[in-house]
């Protein structure tokens, strides 16, 4: 009975929240990501892209909820064994699956709006070992990892263009400079 009440309460809260939410826009874009900390020892600059949905709650004009997914392959770094260079290199890939929010400064009808935001979720990392020609070595998808991540961000929306900087706080840290083009769904 206790579980039934908890599940019922959660469903009521979720349905109540969704009744006031509106999908306002979605964005498609890309960017450059620079590994930092220990991750920078194993990976080099990455380029990739993703999509993001923007949800608005009635009455909260300066707050936007977000959800995103992306794909960012990082360049390889030379693989050394016992201090000797080899003809192999590491290649890293990350798939971020995130949700969060933004707080916008200024009027809702301004052409340029600055914002602070953050997203939390998971990063799915994979590592492969490639030869000097870029071919994956047989049986060399060495590791995969799913890590919790937090992404604080700061940015500006200039019309439909969204430009922002973010920093990934996870087991594998990186700094990203990204941009996306937003498509309005006409709800507002």
Protein backbone atom coordinates (compact mmCIF):
# COMPACT_ATOMS: atom_id res chain seq x y z
CA UNK A 1 0.00 0.00 0.00
CA UNK A 2 2.87 2.33 0.83
CA UNK A 3 4.46 1.78 -2.60
CA UNK A 4 1.14 2.39 -4.31
CA UNK A 5 0.79 5.76 -2.55
CA UNK A 6 4.36 6.77 -3.46
CA UNK A 7 3.91 5.80 -7.11
CA UNK A 8 0.52 7.54 -7.29
CA UNK A 9 1.93 10.70 -5.71
CA UNK A 10 4.86 10.78 -8.13
CA UNK A 11 2.57 10.32 -11.12
CA UNK A 12 0.31 13.15 -9.97
CA UNK A 13 3.29 15.47 -9.54
CA UNK A 14 4.69 14.59 -12.97
CA UNK A 15 1.32 15.05 -14.70
CA UNK A 16 0.75 18.36 -12.92
CA UNK A 17 4.18 19.60 -13.99
CA UNK A 18 3.66 18.53 -17.60
CA UNK A 19 0.27 20.24 -17.73
CA UNK A 20 2.02 23.61 -17.42
CA UNK A 21 5.09 22.83 -19.53
CA UNK A 22 5.39 23.80 -23.17
CA UNK A 23 8.02 22.69 -25.62
CA UNK A 24 9.21 26.04 -26.92
CA UNK A 25 12.09 25.15 -29.24
CA UNK A 26 14.77 22.68 -30.16
CA UNK A 27 18.33 23.35 -31.20
CA UNK A 28 20.91 21.65 -33.39
CA UNK A 29 24.57 22.55 -33.15
CA UNK A 30 28.14 21.64 -32.46
CA UNK A 31 31.34 22.76 -30.92
CA UNK A 32 34.84 22.11 -29.82
CA UNK A 33 35.73 20.38 -26.55
CA UNK A 34 39.13 20.57 -24.87
CA UNK A 35 40.01 17.84 -22.35
CA UNK A 36 41.42 19.12 -19.06
CA UNK A 37 43.10 17.60 -16.03
CA UNK A 38 44.13 13.95 -16.29
CA UNK A 39 41.80 13.47 -19.25
CA UNK A 40 44.03 15.87 -21.19
CA UNK A 41 46.88 13.36 -20.82
CA UNK A 42 44.94 10.75 -22.82
CA UNK A 43 42.80 12.73 -25.26
CA UNK A 44 43.22 15.73 -27.51
CA UNK A 45 40.72 18.26 -28.87
CA UNK A 46 37.32 16.92 -29.82
CA UNK A 47 34.67 18.14 -32.23
CA UNK A 48 31.05 17.07 -32.36
CA UNK A 49 27.44 18.06 -32.07
CA UNK A 50 24.08 17.43 -30.55
CA UNK A 51 20.45 18.41 -30.11
CA UNK A 52 18.69 20.17 -27.23
CA UNK A 53 15.04 20.66 -26.35
CA UNK A 54 13.82 23.79 -24.55
CA UNK A 55 10.80 23.59 -22.24
CA UNK A 56 9.02 26.56 -20.74
CA UNK A 57 6.76 26.64 -17.70
CA UNK A 58 3.81 28.97 -17.69
CA UNK A 59 4.51 32.10 -15.63
CA UNK A 60 8.29 31.59 -15.45
CA UNK A 61 9.48 33.68 -18.39
CA UNK A 62 13.16 33.81 -17.41
CA UNK A 63 13.55 30.11 -16.63
CA UNK A 64 13.89 27.44 -19.30
CA UNK A 65 14.26 23.70 -18.73
CA UNK A 66 16.54 21.81 -21.12
CA UNK A 67 17.29 18.28 -22.23
CA UNK A 68 20.15 17.33 -24.55
CA UNK A 69 22.07 14.52 -26.19
CA UNK A 70 25.31 14.76 -28.15
CA UNK A 71 28.23 12.92 -29.69
CA UNK A 72 31.84 14.15 -29.31
CA UNK A 73 34.82 12.14 -30.60
CA UNK A 74 38.18 13.30 -29.25
CA UNK A 75 41.38 13.22 -31.22
CA UNK A 76 43.87 10.51 -30.39
CA UNK A 77 47.02 10.70 -28.34
CA UNK A 78 50.04 8.48 -28.84
CA UNK A 79 50.02 5.22 -26.90
CA UNK A 80 53.23 4.43 -25.08
CA UNK A 81 54.20 1.20 -23.41
CA UNK A 82 56.70 1.32 -20.55
CA UNK A 83 57.82 4.75 -21.76
CA UNK A 84 58.38 3.67 -25.38
CA UNK A 85 56.31 5.19 -28.17
CA UNK A 86 54.30 2.77 -30.31
CA UNK A 87 52.47 3.06 -33.63
CA UNK A 88 49.14 3.16 -31.78
CA UNK A 89 46.95 5.88 -30.34
CA UNK A 90 43.95 6.20 -28.03
CA UNK A 91 40.66 7.48 -29.41
CA UNK A 92 37.97 8.65 -27.00
CA UNK A 93 34.28 9.26 -27.60
CA UNK A 94 31.68 10.76 -25.26
CA UNK A 95 27.90 10.69 -25.54
CA UNK A 96 26.41 13.20 -23.05
CA UNK A 97 22.75 12.69 -22.05
CA UNK A 98 21.79 15.65 -19.90
CA UNK A 99 18.89 17.66 -18.46
CA UNK A 100 18.87 20.94 -16.60
CA UNK A 101 17.87 24.54 -16.81
CA UNK A 102 18.80 28.11 -17.63
CA UNK A 103 18.10 31.46 -16.04
CA UNK A 104 17.88 34.32 -18.54
CA UNK A 105 18.70 37.95 -17.76
CA UNK A 106 16.72 40.75 -19.36
CA UNK A 107 13.36 41.07 -21.07
CA UNK A 108 11.87 38.06 -22.81
CA UNK A 109 11.49 40.00 -26.08
CA UNK A 110 15.12 41.25 -26.18
CA UNK A 111 17.11 40.33 -29.29
CA UNK A 112 20.10 39.28 -27.15
CA UNK A 113 19.63 37.45 -23.86
CA UNK A 114 22.44 36.40 -21.54
CA UNK A 115 21.98 33.34 -19.34
CA UNK A 116 23.50 31.10 -16.70
CA UNK A 117 22.65 27.44 -16.73
CA UNK A 118 23.55 23.97 -15.61
CA UNK A 119 22.77 20.44 -16.72
CA UNK A 120 23.22 17.14 -14.92
CA UNK A 121 23.15 13.65 -16.33
CA UNK A 122 25.43 10.96 -17.66
CA UNK A 123 28.39 10.84 -20.00
CA UNK A 124 28.99 7.56 -21.79
CA UNK A 125 32.71 7.30 -22.59
CA UNK A 126 34.36 4.76 -24.84
CA UNK A 127 38.00 4.20 -25.63
CA UNK A 128 39.52 2.39 -28.58
CA UNK A 129 43.08 1.67 -29.65
CA UNK A 130 43.91 2.49 -33.27
CA UNK A 131 46.97 1.88 -35.44
CA UNK A 132 48.84 4.71 -37.19
CA UNK A 133 46.46 4.47 -40.19
CA UNK A 134 43.40 5.04 -37.99
CA UNK A 135 42.18 1.43 -38.08
CA UNK A 136 40.84 0.00 -34.82
CA UNK A 137 43.05 -2.79 -33.54
CA UNK A 138 41.15 -6.10 -33.30
CA UNK A 139 39.53 -6.58 -29.87
CA UNK A 140 40.79 -3.16 -28.82
CA UNK A 141 37.68 -1.35 -27.71
CA UNK A 142 39.51 -1.28 -24.45
CA UNK A 143 37.12 0.42 -22.10
CA UNK A 144 33.75 1.97 -21.67
CA UNK A 145 32.49 3.98 -18.77
CA UNK A 146 29.29 5.73 -17.76
CA UNK A 147 29.90 8.66 -15.44
CA UNK A 148 27.68 11.20 -13.68
CA UNK A 149 28.41 14.71 -14.95
CA UNK A 150 27.51 18.28 -14.08
CA UNK A 151 27.80 21.01 -16.74
CA UNK A 152 27.72 24.62 -15.56
CA UNK A 153 27.39 27.00 -18.52
CA UNK A 154 27.22 30.65 -19.47
CA UNK A 155 25.99 31.93 -22.79
CA UNK A 156 24.01 34.29 -24.94
CA UNK A 157 21.11 33.85 -27.31
CA UNK A 158 21.29 36.25 -30.23
CA UNK A 159 18.06 35.75 -32.11
CA UNK A 160 17.99 32.07 -33.07
CA UNK A 161 21.73 31.63 -32.44
CA UNK A 162 22.77 30.19 -29.06
CA UNK A 163 26.48 30.52 -28.18
CA UNK A 164 27.81 29.21 -24.86
CA UNK A 165 30.77 27.90 -22.88
CA UNK A 166 30.51 24.94 -20.51
CA UNK A 167 32.76 22.92 -18.23
CA UNK A 168 32.18 19.22 -17.59
CA UNK A 169 32.62 18.20 -13.97
CA UNK A 170 32.97 14.42 -14.08
CA UNK A 171 35.62 11.73 -13.95
CA UNK A 172 36.77 13.05 -17.36
CA UNK A 173 36.72 16.87 -17.37
CA UNK A 174 36.54 19.05 -20.46
CA UNK A 175 35.87 22.64 -21.45
CA UNK A 176 33.52 23.22 -24.37
CA UNK A 177 32.78 26.17 -26.62
CA UNK A 178 29.59 25.47 -28.51
CA UNK A 179 26.91 27.01 -30.63
CA UNK A 180 23.55 25.94 -31.93
CA UNK A 181 20.74 27.17 -34.08
CA UNK A 182 17.37 27.16 -32.34
CA UNK A 183 14.14 26.36 -34.14
CA UNK A 184 11.01 27.78 -32.54
CA UNK A 185 7.99 25.51 -32.34
CA UNK A 186 5.63 28.47 -32.30
CA UNK A 187 4.24 27.94 -28.80
CA UNK A 188 5.06 31.46 -27.76
